[in-house]
N, C-alpha and C. Protein backbone atom coordinates (compact mmCIF):
# COMPACT_ATOMS: atom_id res chain seq x y z
N UNK A 1 26.44 -61.59 43.54
CA UNK A 1 26.03 -62.08 42.24
C UNK A 1 27.06 -61.68 41.20
N UNK A 2 27.46 -62.62 40.38
CA UNK A 2 28.44 -62.35 39.33
C UNK A 2 27.72 -61.98 38.04
N UNK A 3 28.35 -61.11 37.30
CA UNK A 3 27.79 -60.80 36.00
C UNK A 3 28.82 -61.14 34.92
N UNK A 4 28.45 -60.95 33.68
CA UNK A 4 29.30 -61.31 32.56
C UNK A 4 30.64 -60.59 32.60
N UNK A 5 30.64 -59.32 32.99
CA UNK A 5 31.87 -58.55 32.98
C UNK A 5 32.84 -59.02 34.06
N UNK A 6 32.33 -59.37 35.23
CA UNK A 6 33.21 -59.89 36.29
C UNK A 6 33.84 -61.20 35.86
N UNK A 7 33.08 -62.05 35.19
CA UNK A 7 33.62 -63.32 34.72
C UNK A 7 34.72 -63.08 33.69
N UNK A 8 34.53 -62.12 32.81
CA UNK A 8 35.54 -61.80 31.81
C UNK A 8 36.80 -61.26 32.47
N UNK A 9 36.65 -60.40 33.48
CA UNK A 9 37.80 -59.87 34.19
C UNK A 9 38.57 -60.98 34.88
N UNK A 10 37.85 -61.93 35.50
CA UNK A 10 38.50 -63.06 36.15
C UNK A 10 39.27 -63.89 35.14
N UNK A 11 38.68 -64.13 33.97
CA UNK A 11 39.34 -64.91 32.93
C UNK A 11 40.58 -64.18 32.43
N UNK A 12 40.50 -62.86 32.28
CA UNK A 12 41.66 -62.08 31.83
C UNK A 12 42.79 -62.17 32.84
N UNK A 13 42.47 -62.09 34.14
CA UNK A 13 43.49 -62.18 35.17
C UNK A 13 44.14 -63.56 35.18
N UNK A 14 43.34 -64.61 35.02
CA UNK A 14 43.89 -65.96 35.02
C UNK A 14 44.81 -66.17 33.83
N UNK A 15 44.43 -65.69 32.65
CA UNK A 15 45.28 -65.87 31.48
C UNK A 15 46.55 -65.04 31.61
N UNK A 16 46.45 -63.86 32.20
CA UNK A 16 47.65 -63.04 32.41
C UNK A 16 48.59 -63.72 33.39
N UNK A 17 48.05 -64.34 34.44
CA UNK A 17 48.88 -65.05 35.40
C UNK A 17 49.58 -66.24 34.75
N UNK A 18 48.87 -66.99 33.92
CA UNK A 18 49.46 -68.17 33.31
C UNK A 18 50.48 -67.80 32.24
N UNK A 19 50.39 -66.59 31.69
CA UNK A 19 51.35 -66.15 30.69
C UNK A 19 52.59 -65.52 31.31
N UNK A 20 52.54 -65.23 32.60
CA UNK A 20 53.67 -64.60 33.28
C UNK A 20 54.83 -65.59 33.39
N UNK A 21 56.06 -65.08 33.42
CA UNK A 21 57.21 -65.97 33.60
C UNK A 21 57.12 -66.74 34.92
N UNK A 22 57.71 -67.91 34.95
CA UNK A 22 57.66 -68.77 36.13
C UNK A 22 58.18 -68.04 37.37
N UNK A 23 59.26 -67.29 37.23
CA UNK A 23 59.82 -66.56 38.38
C UNK A 23 58.81 -65.58 38.95
N UNK A 24 58.03 -64.96 38.10
CA UNK A 24 57.01 -64.02 38.56
C UNK A 24 55.88 -64.74 39.26
N UNK A 25 55.46 -65.88 38.71
CA UNK A 25 54.36 -66.63 39.32
C UNK A 25 54.76 -67.25 40.65
N UNK A 26 56.02 -67.59 40.82
CA UNK A 26 56.47 -68.26 42.04
C UNK A 26 57.00 -67.29 43.09
N UNK A 27 57.07 -66.01 42.77
CA UNK A 27 57.60 -65.00 43.70
C UNK A 27 56.76 -64.97 44.98
N UNK A 28 57.39 -64.91 46.15
CA UNK A 28 56.64 -64.84 47.41
C UNK A 28 55.71 -63.63 47.43
N UNK A 29 54.53 -63.82 48.05
CA UNK A 29 53.56 -62.74 48.14
C UNK A 29 53.28 -62.33 49.58
N UNK A 30 53.93 -62.99 50.53
CA UNK A 30 53.75 -62.65 51.94
C UNK A 30 55.06 -62.91 52.68
N UNK A 31 55.15 -62.38 53.88
CA UNK A 31 56.36 -62.62 54.68
C UNK A 31 56.51 -64.09 55.01
N UNK A 32 55.40 -64.80 55.17
CA UNK A 32 55.47 -66.23 55.49
C UNK A 32 56.04 -67.04 54.33
N UNK A 33 55.85 -66.57 53.10
CA UNK A 33 56.37 -67.27 51.92
C UNK A 33 57.83 -66.89 51.64
N UNK A 34 58.30 -65.78 52.19
CA UNK A 34 59.66 -65.30 51.93
C UNK A 34 60.65 -66.22 52.64
N UNK A 35 61.63 -66.72 51.90
CA UNK A 35 62.62 -67.65 52.44
C UNK A 35 63.93 -66.91 52.67
N UNK A 36 64.50 -67.11 53.83
CA UNK A 36 65.77 -66.47 54.17
C UNK A 36 65.55 -65.28 55.08
N UNK A 37 66.63 -64.77 55.62
CA UNK A 37 66.61 -63.61 56.50
C UNK A 37 65.78 -63.84 57.76
N UNK A 38 65.77 -65.08 58.24
CA UNK A 38 64.99 -65.40 59.44
C UNK A 38 65.44 -64.58 60.64
N UNK A 39 66.69 -64.17 60.67
CA UNK A 39 67.19 -63.41 61.83
C UNK A 39 66.52 -62.04 61.96
N UNK A 40 65.89 -61.54 60.90
CA UNK A 40 65.15 -60.27 61.01
C UNK A 40 63.69 -60.39 60.61
N UNK A 41 63.31 -61.48 59.92
CA UNK A 41 61.93 -61.61 59.43
C UNK A 41 61.11 -62.69 60.12
N UNK A 42 61.73 -63.47 60.99
CA UNK A 42 60.97 -64.51 61.69
C UNK A 42 59.94 -63.86 62.61
N UNK A 43 58.85 -64.56 62.91
CA UNK A 43 57.84 -63.98 63.81
C UNK A 43 58.49 -63.50 65.12
N UNK A 44 58.17 -62.27 65.50
CA UNK A 44 58.70 -61.69 66.72
C UNK A 44 59.99 -60.92 66.56
N UNK A 45 60.63 -61.02 65.40
CA UNK A 45 61.89 -60.30 65.18
C UNK A 45 61.61 -58.84 64.83
N UNK A 46 62.63 -58.00 64.95
CA UNK A 46 62.49 -56.55 64.86
C UNK A 46 61.82 -56.07 63.57
N UNK A 47 62.34 -56.44 62.42
CA UNK A 47 61.77 -55.95 61.16
C UNK A 47 60.35 -56.45 60.96
N UNK A 48 60.11 -57.70 61.29
CA UNK A 48 58.76 -58.27 61.14
C UNK A 48 57.76 -57.54 62.03
N UNK A 49 58.14 -57.27 63.27
CA UNK A 49 57.22 -56.54 64.17
C UNK A 49 56.94 -55.14 63.65
N UNK A 50 57.96 -54.46 63.12
CA UNK A 50 57.77 -53.11 62.58
C UNK A 50 56.83 -53.13 61.38
N UNK A 51 56.99 -54.12 60.52
CA UNK A 51 56.13 -54.24 59.33
C UNK A 51 54.70 -54.51 59.76
N UNK A 52 54.51 -55.47 60.65
CA UNK A 52 53.16 -55.85 61.07
C UNK A 52 52.47 -54.74 61.86
N UNK A 53 53.24 -53.90 62.55
CA UNK A 53 52.66 -52.79 63.30
C UNK A 53 52.49 -51.54 62.43
N UNK A 54 52.91 -51.64 61.17
CA UNK A 54 52.84 -50.52 60.23
C UNK A 54 53.60 -49.31 60.77
N UNK A 55 54.76 -49.58 61.38
CA UNK A 55 55.60 -48.52 61.93
C UNK A 55 57.03 -48.68 61.41
N UNK A 56 57.13 -48.89 60.13
CA UNK A 56 58.44 -49.11 59.52
C UNK A 56 59.06 -47.79 59.07
N UNK A 57 60.23 -47.45 59.61
CA UNK A 57 60.90 -46.24 59.13
C UNK A 57 61.51 -46.51 57.75
N UNK A 58 62.23 -45.57 57.22
CA UNK A 58 62.91 -45.78 55.95
C UNK A 58 63.92 -46.92 56.10
N UNK A 59 64.01 -47.73 55.07
CA UNK A 59 64.91 -48.89 55.10
C UNK A 59 65.65 -48.95 53.78
N UNK A 60 66.92 -49.29 53.82
CA UNK A 60 67.70 -49.51 52.61
C UNK A 60 68.11 -50.97 52.59
N UNK A 61 67.74 -51.68 51.53
CA UNK A 61 68.13 -53.08 51.36
C UNK A 61 69.35 -53.11 50.46
N UNK A 62 70.34 -53.88 50.87
CA UNK A 62 71.57 -53.99 50.10
C UNK A 62 71.89 -55.47 49.93
N UNK A 63 72.35 -55.82 48.75
CA UNK A 63 72.72 -57.20 48.50
C UNK A 63 72.90 -57.45 47.02
N UNK A 64 73.38 -58.62 46.67
CA UNK A 64 73.61 -58.94 45.26
C UNK A 64 72.29 -59.12 44.50
N UNK A 65 72.36 -59.04 43.18
CA UNK A 65 71.16 -59.25 42.37
C UNK A 65 70.55 -60.63 42.66
N UNK A 66 69.24 -60.67 42.72
CA UNK A 66 68.55 -61.94 42.92
C UNK A 66 68.43 -62.38 44.36
N UNK A 67 68.80 -61.51 45.30
CA UNK A 67 68.74 -61.92 46.71
C UNK A 67 67.40 -61.63 47.38
N UNK A 68 66.47 -60.98 46.65
CA UNK A 68 65.13 -60.78 47.19
C UNK A 68 64.83 -59.38 47.68
N UNK A 69 65.69 -58.43 47.40
CA UNK A 69 65.48 -57.06 47.88
C UNK A 69 64.17 -56.47 47.36
N UNK A 70 63.96 -56.54 46.07
CA UNK A 70 62.75 -55.97 45.46
C UNK A 70 61.51 -56.73 45.89
N UNK A 71 61.60 -58.04 45.95
CA UNK A 71 60.46 -58.84 46.39
C UNK A 71 60.06 -58.48 47.81
N UNK A 72 61.03 -58.37 48.70
CA UNK A 72 60.73 -57.99 50.08
C UNK A 72 60.13 -56.59 50.14
N UNK A 73 60.66 -55.67 49.35
CA UNK A 73 60.12 -54.30 49.32
C UNK A 73 58.67 -54.30 48.85
N UNK A 74 58.35 -55.13 47.86
CA UNK A 74 56.96 -55.21 47.37
C UNK A 74 56.03 -55.80 48.42
N UNK A 75 56.50 -56.81 49.12
CA UNK A 75 55.68 -57.41 50.19
C UNK A 75 55.41 -56.37 51.27
N UNK A 76 56.44 -55.64 51.66
CA UNK A 76 56.27 -54.61 52.69
C UNK A 76 55.31 -53.53 52.21
N UNK A 77 55.45 -53.11 50.95
CA UNK A 77 54.58 -52.07 50.41
C UNK A 77 53.11 -52.50 50.43
N UNK A 78 52.85 -53.77 50.14
CA UNK A 78 51.47 -54.26 50.15
C UNK A 78 50.92 -54.39 51.57
N UNK A 79 51.79 -54.66 52.54
CA UNK A 79 51.34 -54.87 53.91
C UNK A 79 51.14 -53.57 54.68
N UNK A 80 51.84 -52.51 54.29
CA UNK A 80 51.77 -51.26 55.05
C UNK A 80 50.98 -50.21 54.32
């Protein structure tokens, strides 16, 4: 059962999402949405299996700005 406060919280979240920059709204939220790096992130590949098994050791991502390092780190943090 929903109450008035839950509806207000939902409305606040929706307005916050719509006010966010386009890049933030379109950022991948799962490994399936992440584009690129198929050689390590495709189903069955080493990094993907480690993430899905929650057995990921320390990892350092290196690359130019805008290549998805932080986005991938956030996805991993949410999954593990």
